[in-house]
């Protein structure tokens, strides 16, 4: 579970992403951003209260549009408390290790629309099992200052360095 210590605000990360210049150096700039975010991840259980509500987010694509859904459920019954959907333009192609570029904005937009509080966030993407120990789930968790678990579809072990 990832939680934040001294965190970047969602706007901080968004501003850093928007200030990246459109060139090959974009990869280097985002890698440096990930390295900074990774230092703020707390990878231990620090829950003081029981988990009551869980939110899950996922993004899908069609042409140049990203569709993101966020759903908040009660942990014990899985009763849906709230769901929101957003659509936005895709600004970056899929780049292994830099999923943050592609999915940060739609996820943050969807989570920002939620009115229901949640204690834990599940993100379709890697957490610390990432070359820079900062997959999408870590970036989102740090920005939101929320405990977050990355639930990736595929392993990134083939390029992971400890």
N, C-alpha and C. Protein backbone atom coordinates (compact mmCIF):
# COMPACT_ATOMS: atom_id res chain seq x y z
N UNK A 1 0.84 -1.16 0.00
CA UNK A 1 0.00 0.00 0.00
C UNK A 1 0.89 1.23 0.00
N UNK A 2 0.52 2.18 -0.77
CA UNK A 2 1.32 3.38 -0.88
C UNK A 2 0.55 4.56 -0.34
N UNK A 3 1.19 5.32 0.50
CA UNK A 3 0.61 6.52 1.05
C UNK A 3 1.66 7.60 0.95
N UNK A 4 1.31 8.80 1.18
CA UNK A 4 2.25 9.88 1.00
C UNK A 4 2.74 10.45 2.30
N UNK A 5 3.95 10.90 2.28
CA UNK A 5 4.51 11.64 3.40
C UNK A 5 4.34 13.11 3.02
N UNK A 6 5.42 13.80 2.68
CA UNK A 6 5.31 15.16 2.14
C UNK A 6 4.97 14.97 0.68
N UNK A 7 3.81 15.43 0.25
CA UNK A 7 3.36 15.04 -1.08
C UNK A 7 3.35 16.20 -2.06
N UNK A 8 3.42 15.83 -3.34
CA UNK A 8 3.12 16.76 -4.40
C UNK A 8 1.60 16.84 -4.44
N UNK A 9 1.07 18.00 -4.69
CA UNK A 9 -0.37 18.10 -4.87
C UNK A 9 -0.69 17.62 -6.29
N UNK A 10 -1.94 17.25 -6.56
CA UNK A 10 -2.29 16.88 -7.93
C UNK A 10 -1.93 17.98 -8.93
N UNK A 11 -2.11 19.23 -8.53
CA UNK A 11 -1.78 20.33 -9.43
C UNK A 11 -0.28 20.44 -9.66
N UNK A 12 0.54 20.13 -8.63
CA UNK A 12 1.99 20.14 -8.79
C UNK A 12 2.41 19.17 -9.90
N UNK A 13 1.89 17.95 -9.82
CA UNK A 13 2.27 16.94 -10.81
C UNK A 13 1.75 17.34 -12.18
N UNK A 14 0.51 17.83 -12.25
CA UNK A 14 -0.05 18.25 -13.54
C UNK A 14 0.79 19.38 -14.14
N UNK A 15 1.20 20.33 -13.32
CA UNK A 15 2.04 21.43 -13.82
C UNK A 15 3.38 20.91 -14.32
N UNK A 16 3.97 19.96 -13.57
CA UNK A 16 5.25 19.39 -14.02
C UNK A 16 5.08 18.67 -15.35
N UNK A 17 3.97 17.95 -15.52
CA UNK A 17 3.73 17.26 -16.79
C UNK A 17 3.52 18.25 -17.93
N UNK A 18 2.79 19.33 -17.67
CA UNK A 18 2.53 20.31 -18.73
C UNK A 18 3.77 21.12 -19.07
N UNK A 19 4.74 21.20 -18.18
CA UNK A 19 5.97 21.95 -18.45
C UNK A 19 7.03 21.13 -19.16
N UNK A 20 6.74 19.87 -19.42
CA UNK A 20 7.69 19.02 -20.13
C UNK A 20 7.69 19.43 -21.59
N UNK A 21 8.89 19.62 -22.13
CA UNK A 21 8.99 20.06 -23.52
C UNK A 21 8.78 18.89 -24.47
N UNK A 22 8.14 19.14 -25.61
CA UNK A 22 7.85 18.06 -26.56
C UNK A 22 9.08 17.70 -27.39
N UNK A 23 9.93 16.87 -26.84
CA UNK A 23 11.14 16.40 -27.54
C UNK A 23 11.52 15.06 -26.95
N UNK A 24 12.63 14.53 -27.38
CA UNK A 24 13.09 13.27 -26.83
C UNK A 24 13.41 13.39 -25.35
N UNK A 25 13.68 14.59 -24.88
CA UNK A 25 14.00 14.77 -23.47
C UNK A 25 12.78 14.57 -22.58
N UNK A 26 11.58 14.42 -23.18
CA UNK A 26 10.38 14.18 -22.38
C UNK A 26 10.58 12.93 -21.53
N UNK A 27 11.22 11.91 -22.08
CA UNK A 27 11.43 10.67 -21.34
C UNK A 27 12.31 10.92 -20.11
N UNK A 28 13.37 11.64 -20.33
CA UNK A 28 14.30 11.94 -19.23
C UNK A 28 13.60 12.77 -18.16
N UNK A 29 12.84 13.76 -18.55
CA UNK A 29 12.16 14.64 -17.59
C UNK A 29 11.15 13.87 -16.75
N UNK A 30 10.38 12.98 -17.38
CA UNK A 30 9.39 12.21 -16.64
C UNK A 30 10.08 11.19 -15.73
N UNK A 31 11.18 10.62 -16.19
CA UNK A 31 11.93 9.69 -15.34
C UNK A 31 12.43 10.40 -14.08
N UNK A 32 12.90 11.61 -14.22
CA UNK A 32 13.35 12.39 -13.06
C UNK A 32 12.18 12.70 -12.14
N UNK A 33 11.03 13.03 -12.70
CA UNK A 33 9.83 13.27 -11.91
C UNK A 33 9.46 12.00 -11.12
N UNK A 34 9.50 10.85 -11.79
CA UNK A 34 9.19 9.59 -11.12
C UNK A 34 10.17 9.30 -9.98
N UNK A 35 11.42 9.58 -10.20
CA UNK A 35 12.42 9.35 -9.14
C UNK A 35 12.12 10.22 -7.92
N UNK A 36 11.70 11.45 -8.14
CA UNK A 36 11.34 12.34 -7.03
C UNK A 36 10.09 11.86 -6.30
N UNK A 37 9.08 11.44 -7.07
CA UNK A 37 7.85 10.94 -6.46
C UNK A 37 8.13 9.67 -5.66
N UNK A 38 9.00 8.79 -6.19
CA UNK A 38 9.27 7.51 -5.52
C UNK A 38 9.81 7.70 -4.11
N UNK A 39 10.50 8.79 -3.88
CA UNK A 39 11.05 9.06 -2.54
C UNK A 39 9.97 9.43 -1.53
N UNK A 40 8.78 9.76 -2.02
CA UNK A 40 7.70 10.18 -1.13
C UNK A 40 6.70 9.05 -0.83
N UNK A 41 6.90 7.89 -1.45
CA UNK A 41 5.99 6.75 -1.25
C UNK A 41 6.27 6.11 0.11
N UNK A 42 5.21 5.82 0.84
CA UNK A 42 5.30 5.09 2.10
C UNK A 42 4.78 3.68 1.82
N UNK A 43 5.66 2.70 1.91
CA UNK A 43 5.30 1.33 1.53
C UNK A 43 5.06 0.45 2.75
N UNK A 44 4.31 0.96 3.70
CA UNK A 44 3.96 0.15 4.87
C UNK A 44 2.55 0.51 5.31
N UNK A 45 1.95 -0.39 6.03
CA UNK A 45 0.57 -0.21 6.49
C UNK A 45 0.56 0.80 7.63
N UNK A 46 -0.08 1.93 7.41
CA UNK A 46 -0.20 2.96 8.44
C UNK A 46 -1.66 3.32 8.70
N UNK A 47 -2.55 2.37 8.41
CA UNK A 47 -3.97 2.64 8.65
C UNK A 47 -4.23 2.72 10.15
N UNK A 48 -4.88 3.78 10.56
CA UNK A 48 -5.26 3.95 11.97
C UNK A 48 -6.70 3.46 12.19
N UNK A 49 -7.50 3.54 11.14
CA UNK A 49 -8.91 3.15 11.16
C UNK A 49 -9.11 2.01 10.16
N UNK A 50 -10.17 1.23 10.35
CA UNK A 50 -10.45 0.17 9.37
C UNK A 50 -10.83 0.76 8.00
N UNK A 51 -10.52 0.03 6.94
CA UNK A 51 -10.90 0.44 5.59
C UNK A 51 -12.39 0.20 5.44
N UNK A 52 -13.10 1.24 5.06
CA UNK A 52 -14.55 1.13 4.86
C UNK A 52 -14.92 1.18 3.38
N UNK A 53 -14.36 2.16 2.68
CA UNK A 53 -14.69 2.35 1.28
C UNK A 53 -13.43 2.24 0.42
N UNK A 54 -13.59 1.61 -0.74
CA UNK A 54 -12.49 1.42 -1.68
C UNK A 54 -12.90 2.02 -3.02
N UNK A 55 -11.97 2.70 -3.66
CA UNK A 55 -12.19 3.24 -4.99
C UNK A 55 -11.28 2.50 -5.97
N UNK A 56 -11.79 2.23 -7.15
CA UNK A 56 -10.98 1.63 -8.22
C UNK A 56 -11.12 2.50 -9.47
N UNK A 57 -10.00 2.64 -10.19
CA UNK A 57 -10.00 3.43 -11.43
C UNK A 57 -9.37 2.63 -12.56
N UNK A 58 -9.86 2.87 -13.75
CA UNK A 58 -9.29 2.25 -14.94
C UNK A 58 -9.55 3.17 -16.13
N UNK A 59 -8.65 3.08 -17.10
CA UNK A 59 -8.75 3.91 -18.29
C UNK A 59 -8.76 2.99 -19.52
N UNK A 60 -9.63 3.29 -20.46
CA UNK A 60 -9.63 2.59 -21.74
C UNK A 60 -9.51 3.64 -22.85
N UNK A 61 -9.24 3.16 -24.05
CA UNK A 61 -8.96 4.07 -25.16
C UNK A 61 -9.75 3.72 -26.40
N UNK A 62 -10.08 4.75 -27.14
CA UNK A 62 -10.65 4.58 -28.46
C UNK A 62 -10.16 5.76 -29.29
N UNK A 63 -9.42 5.42 -30.34
CA UNK A 63 -8.80 6.43 -31.19
C UNK A 63 -7.95 7.35 -30.32
N UNK A 64 -8.20 8.65 -30.34
CA UNK A 64 -7.37 9.57 -29.56
C UNK A 64 -8.06 10.03 -28.28
N UNK A 65 -9.02 9.23 -27.80
CA UNK A 65 -9.73 9.58 -26.56
C UNK A 65 -9.48 8.55 -25.47
N UNK A 66 -9.36 9.06 -24.24
CA UNK A 66 -9.23 8.21 -23.05
C UNK A 66 -10.55 8.28 -22.30
N UNK A 67 -11.04 7.14 -21.86
CA UNK A 67 -12.26 7.04 -21.06
C UNK A 67 -11.88 6.47 -19.71
N UNK A 68 -12.14 7.21 -18.66
CA UNK A 68 -11.77 6.76 -17.32
C UNK A 68 -13.01 6.64 -16.45
N UNK A 69 -13.07 5.54 -15.71
CA UNK A 69 -14.14 5.33 -14.74
C UNK A 69 -13.53 5.21 -13.36
N UNK A 70 -14.20 5.77 -12.38
CA UNK A 70 -13.83 5.62 -10.97
C UNK A 70 -15.08 5.15 -10.24
N UNK A 71 -14.93 4.10 -9.44
CA UNK A 71 -16.07 3.53 -8.72
C UNK A 71 -15.69 3.39 -7.25
N UNK A 72 -16.55 3.88 -6.36
CA UNK A 72 -16.35 3.74 -4.92
C UNK A 72 -17.35 2.70 -4.41
N UNK A 73 -16.83 1.71 -3.68
CA UNK A 73 -17.69 0.66 -3.12
C UNK A 73 -17.43 0.52 -1.63
N UNK A 74 -18.43 -0.02 -0.92
CA UNK A 74 -18.22 -0.40 0.48
C UNK A 74 -17.36 -1.65 0.47
N UNK A 75 -16.32 -1.67 1.28
CA UNK A 75 -15.39 -2.80 1.28
C UNK A 75 -16.07 -4.12 1.62
N UNK A 76 -16.92 -4.14 2.63
CA UNK A 76 -17.49 -5.40 3.10
C UNK A 76 -18.59 -5.95 2.21
N UNK A 77 -19.42 -5.10 1.64
CA UNK A 77 -20.56 -5.58 0.86
C UNK A 77 -20.38 -5.41 -0.64
N UNK A 78 -19.40 -4.61 -1.05
CA UNK A 78 -19.17 -4.24 -2.45
C UNK A 78 -20.33 -3.45 -3.05
N UNK A 79 -21.16 -2.89 -2.18
CA UNK A 79 -22.24 -2.01 -2.64
C UNK A 79 -21.61 -0.78 -3.30
N UNK A 80 -22.07 -0.47 -4.51
CA UNK A 80 -21.56 0.70 -5.22
C UNK A 80 -22.16 1.95 -4.59
N UNK A 81 -21.27 2.83 -4.12
CA UNK A 81 -21.70 4.09 -3.51
C UNK A 81 -21.72 5.23 -4.52
N UNK A 82 -20.79 5.17 -5.49
CA UNK A 82 -20.72 6.23 -6.49
C UNK A 82 -19.86 5.75 -7.65
N UNK A 83 -20.20 6.22 -8.83
CA UNK A 83 -19.33 5.98 -9.99
C UNK A 83 -19.35 7.22 -10.87
N UNK A 84 -18.21 7.52 -11.46
CA UNK A 84 -18.09 8.65 -12.37
C UNK A 84 -17.32 8.21 -13.60
N UNK A 85 -17.55 8.89 -14.69
CA UNK A 85 -16.86 8.62 -15.95
C UNK A 85 -16.41 9.93 -16.56
N UNK A 86 -15.21 9.92 -17.13
CA UNK A 86 -14.71 11.11 -17.83
C UNK A 86 -14.14 10.68 -19.18
N UNK A 87 -14.07 11.64 -20.06
CA UNK A 87 -13.47 11.42 -21.37
C UNK A 87 -12.55 12.59 -21.64
N UNK A 88 -11.35 12.30 -22.11
CA UNK A 88 -10.44 13.38 -22.47
C UNK A 88 -9.52 12.93 -23.60
N UNK A 89 -8.90 13.90 -24.23
CA UNK A 89 -7.99 13.63 -25.34
C UNK A 89 -6.71 12.98 -24.82
N UNK A 90 -6.20 12.02 -25.57
CA UNK A 90 -4.94 11.37 -25.25
C UNK A 90 -3.82 12.26 -25.77
N UNK A 91 -2.90 12.63 -24.87
CA UNK A 91 -1.81 13.53 -25.26
C UNK A 91 -0.50 12.83 -25.54
N UNK A 92 -0.35 11.58 -25.10
CA UNK A 92 0.90 10.85 -25.29
C UNK A 92 0.60 9.42 -25.71
N UNK A 93 1.51 8.82 -26.48
CA UNK A 93 1.35 7.40 -26.81
C UNK A 93 1.72 6.55 -25.59
N UNK A 94 1.43 5.26 -25.67
CA UNK A 94 1.87 4.34 -24.61
C UNK A 94 3.38 4.22 -24.70
N UNK A 95 4.06 4.48 -23.58
CA UNK A 95 5.50 4.33 -23.49
C UNK A 95 5.77 3.48 -22.26
N UNK A 96 6.34 2.28 -22.42
CA UNK A 96 6.60 1.43 -21.25
C UNK A 96 7.41 2.18 -20.19
N UNK A 97 6.94 2.10 -18.95
CA UNK A 97 7.60 2.76 -17.84
C UNK A 97 7.16 4.21 -17.62
N UNK A 98 6.43 4.76 -18.58
CA UNK A 98 5.99 6.16 -18.48
C UNK A 98 4.47 6.26 -18.64
N UNK A 99 3.76 5.30 -18.08
CA UNK A 99 2.30 5.27 -18.15
C UNK A 99 1.70 6.53 -17.54
N UNK A 100 2.41 7.13 -16.62
CA UNK A 100 2.01 8.38 -15.97
C UNK A 100 1.62 9.43 -17.01
N UNK A 101 2.40 9.54 -18.09
CA UNK A 101 2.11 10.54 -19.12
C UNK A 101 0.72 10.35 -19.71
N UNK A 102 0.34 9.12 -19.92
CA UNK A 102 -0.89 8.80 -20.64
C UNK A 102 -2.13 8.78 -19.74
N UNK A 103 -1.98 8.32 -18.49
CA UNK A 103 -3.17 8.07 -17.67
C UNK A 103 -3.36 9.00 -16.47
N UNK A 104 -2.36 9.79 -16.12
CA UNK A 104 -2.49 10.66 -14.94
C UNK A 104 -3.68 11.60 -15.06
N UNK A 105 -3.77 12.31 -16.17
CA UNK A 105 -4.83 13.32 -16.31
C UNK A 105 -6.24 12.72 -16.28
N UNK A 106 -6.54 11.66 -17.06
CA UNK A 106 -7.90 11.13 -16.96
C UNK A 106 -8.23 10.58 -15.57
N UNK A 107 -7.27 9.94 -14.91
CA UNK A 107 -7.54 9.41 -13.57
C UNK A 107 -7.79 10.54 -12.58
N UNK A 108 -6.96 11.55 -12.60
CA UNK A 108 -7.13 12.65 -11.65
C UNK A 108 -8.43 13.40 -11.92
N UNK A 109 -8.82 13.52 -13.18
CA UNK A 109 -10.10 14.17 -13.50
C UNK A 109 -11.26 13.36 -12.94
N UNK A 110 -11.22 12.04 -13.11
CA UNK A 110 -12.32 11.19 -12.61
C UNK A 110 -12.38 11.21 -11.09
N UNK A 111 -11.25 11.01 -10.44
CA UNK A 111 -11.23 11.00 -8.97
C UNK A 111 -11.65 12.36 -8.42
N UNK A 112 -11.31 13.42 -9.12
CA UNK A 112 -11.69 14.76 -8.69
C UNK A 112 -13.19 15.00 -8.71
N UNK A 113 -13.92 14.23 -9.48
CA UNK A 113 -15.38 14.38 -9.54
C UNK A 113 -16.10 13.63 -8.42
N UNK A 114 -15.41 12.71 -7.77
CA UNK A 114 -16.06 11.91 -6.72
C UNK A 114 -16.44 12.77 -5.53
N UNK A 115 -17.63 12.53 -5.02
CA UNK A 115 -18.08 13.20 -3.80
C UNK A 115 -17.93 12.27 -2.60
N UNK A 116 -18.00 10.96 -2.86
CA UNK A 116 -17.91 9.95 -1.80
C UNK A 116 -16.45 9.80 -1.37
N UNK A 117 -16.21 9.74 -0.08
CA UNK A 117 -14.86 9.55 0.46
C UNK A 117 -14.47 8.07 0.34
N UNK A 118 -13.17 7.82 0.17
CA UNK A 118 -12.67 6.45 0.14
C UNK A 118 -11.37 6.37 0.92
N UNK A 119 -11.08 5.17 1.43
CA UNK A 119 -9.90 4.96 2.28
C UNK A 119 -8.73 4.34 1.52
N UNK A 120 -9.02 3.68 0.41
CA UNK A 120 -8.01 2.96 -0.35
C UNK A 120 -8.34 3.08 -1.83
N UNK A 121 -7.30 3.25 -2.64
CA UNK A 121 -7.47 3.39 -4.08
C UNK A 121 -6.78 2.23 -4.79
N UNK A 122 -7.48 1.61 -5.73
CA UNK A 122 -6.90 0.59 -6.60
C UNK A 122 -6.73 1.19 -7.99
N UNK A 123 -5.52 1.12 -8.52
CA UNK A 123 -5.21 1.72 -9.82
C UNK A 123 -4.76 0.61 -10.76
N UNK A 124 -5.30 0.62 -11.97
CA UNK A 124 -4.89 -0.34 -12.99
C UNK A 124 -3.53 0.09 -13.53
N UNK A 125 -2.48 -0.36 -12.88
CA UNK A 125 -1.11 -0.02 -13.26
C UNK A 125 -0.18 -0.46 -12.16
N UNK A 126 1.11 -0.36 -12.42
CA UNK A 126 2.11 -0.79 -11.44
C UNK A 126 2.27 0.22 -10.31
N UNK A 127 2.73 -0.29 -9.18
CA UNK A 127 3.10 0.54 -8.04
C UNK A 127 4.61 0.63 -7.99
N UNK A 128 5.20 0.03 -6.96
CA UNK A 128 6.66 0.09 -6.81
C UNK A 128 7.41 -0.94 -7.65
N UNK A 129 6.72 -1.91 -8.20
CA UNK A 129 7.36 -2.88 -9.08
C UNK A 129 7.51 -2.23 -10.45
N UNK A 130 8.52 -1.40 -10.55
CA UNK A 130 8.69 -0.49 -11.68
C UNK A 130 10.17 -0.14 -11.73
N UNK A 131 10.74 0.11 -12.90
CA UNK A 131 12.18 0.40 -12.98
C UNK A 131 12.65 1.54 -12.07
N UNK A 132 11.81 2.54 -11.84
CA UNK A 132 12.18 3.65 -10.96
C UNK A 132 11.39 3.61 -9.66
N UNK A 133 10.81 2.45 -9.36
CA UNK A 133 10.01 2.24 -8.14
C UNK A 133 8.88 3.27 -8.04
N UNK A 134 8.35 3.66 -9.21
CA UNK A 134 7.29 4.67 -9.23
C UNK A 134 6.40 4.47 -10.45
N UNK A 135 5.58 3.42 -10.40
CA UNK A 135 4.61 3.21 -11.45
C UNK A 135 3.44 4.17 -11.29
N UNK A 136 2.47 4.03 -12.15
CA UNK A 136 1.31 4.90 -12.16
C UNK A 136 0.62 4.97 -10.80
N UNK A 137 0.47 3.83 -10.13
CA UNK A 137 -0.22 3.80 -8.83
C UNK A 137 0.50 4.66 -7.80
N UNK A 138 1.83 4.62 -7.80
CA UNK A 138 2.59 5.46 -6.86
C UNK A 138 2.37 6.94 -7.15
N UNK A 139 2.42 7.31 -8.42
CA UNK A 139 2.24 8.72 -8.79
C UNK A 139 0.87 9.23 -8.37
N UNK A 140 -0.16 8.43 -8.61
CA UNK A 140 -1.51 8.83 -8.25
C UNK A 140 -1.65 8.88 -6.73
N UNK A 141 -1.14 7.86 -6.04
CA UNK A 141 -1.24 7.82 -4.58
C UNK A 141 -0.54 8.98 -3.91
N UNK A 142 0.64 9.33 -4.40
CA UNK A 142 1.38 10.46 -3.83
C UNK A 142 0.63 11.76 -4.09
N UNK A 143 0.13 11.94 -5.30
CA UNK A 143 -0.58 13.18 -5.64
C UNK A 143 -1.85 13.35 -4.80
N UNK A 144 -2.55 12.23 -4.54
CA UNK A 144 -3.79 12.30 -3.79
C UNK A 144 -3.59 12.17 -2.28
N UNK A 145 -2.39 11.80 -1.88
CA UNK A 145 -2.10 11.52 -0.47
C UNK A 145 -3.06 10.45 0.06
N UNK A 146 -3.20 9.38 -0.74
CA UNK A 146 -4.10 8.27 -0.41
C UNK A 146 -3.34 6.95 -0.49
N UNK A 147 -3.65 6.03 0.41
CA UNK A 147 -3.11 4.68 0.26
C UNK A 147 -3.58 4.09 -1.06
N UNK A 148 -2.65 3.55 -1.83
CA UNK A 148 -2.94 3.11 -3.18
C UNK A 148 -2.26 1.78 -3.46
N UNK A 149 -2.95 0.92 -4.18
CA UNK A 149 -2.39 -0.35 -4.60
C UNK A 149 -2.44 -0.39 -6.13
N UNK A 150 -1.32 -0.74 -6.74
CA UNK A 150 -1.28 -0.92 -8.18
C UNK A 150 -1.69 -2.33 -8.52
N UNK A 151 -2.63 -2.46 -9.43
CA UNK A 151 -3.12 -3.76 -9.86
C UNK A 151 -2.85 -3.86 -11.36
N UNK A 152 -1.65 -4.34 -11.70
CA UNK A 152 -1.23 -4.38 -13.10
C UNK A 152 -1.67 -5.68 -13.78
N UNK A 153 -1.93 -5.57 -15.05
CA UNK A 153 -2.34 -6.74 -15.83
C UNK A 153 -1.16 -7.63 -16.20
N UNK A 154 0.00 -7.03 -16.35
CA UNK A 154 1.18 -7.78 -16.77
C UNK A 154 2.35 -7.43 -15.88
N UNK A 155 3.26 -8.35 -15.75
CA UNK A 155 4.45 -8.15 -14.92
C UNK A 155 5.46 -7.27 -15.64
N UNK A 156 6.15 -6.46 -14.88
CA UNK A 156 7.24 -5.67 -15.45
C UNK A 156 8.58 -6.19 -14.93
N UNK A 157 8.59 -7.41 -14.41
CA UNK A 157 9.82 -7.97 -13.84
C UNK A 157 10.96 -8.05 -14.83
N UNK A 158 10.65 -8.20 -16.09
CA UNK A 158 11.71 -8.37 -17.07
C UNK A 158 12.62 -7.16 -17.17
N UNK A 159 12.17 -6.00 -16.74
CA UNK A 159 13.05 -4.82 -16.77
C UNK A 159 13.18 -4.17 -15.40
N UNK A 160 12.86 -4.89 -14.36
CA UNK A 160 12.94 -4.35 -13.01
C UNK A 160 14.35 -4.53 -12.45
N UNK A 161 14.88 -3.48 -11.87
CA UNK A 161 16.19 -3.53 -11.22
C UNK A 161 16.01 -3.17 -9.77
N UNK A 162 16.55 -3.96 -8.87
CA UNK A 162 16.39 -3.64 -7.44
C UNK A 162 17.41 -2.63 -6.99
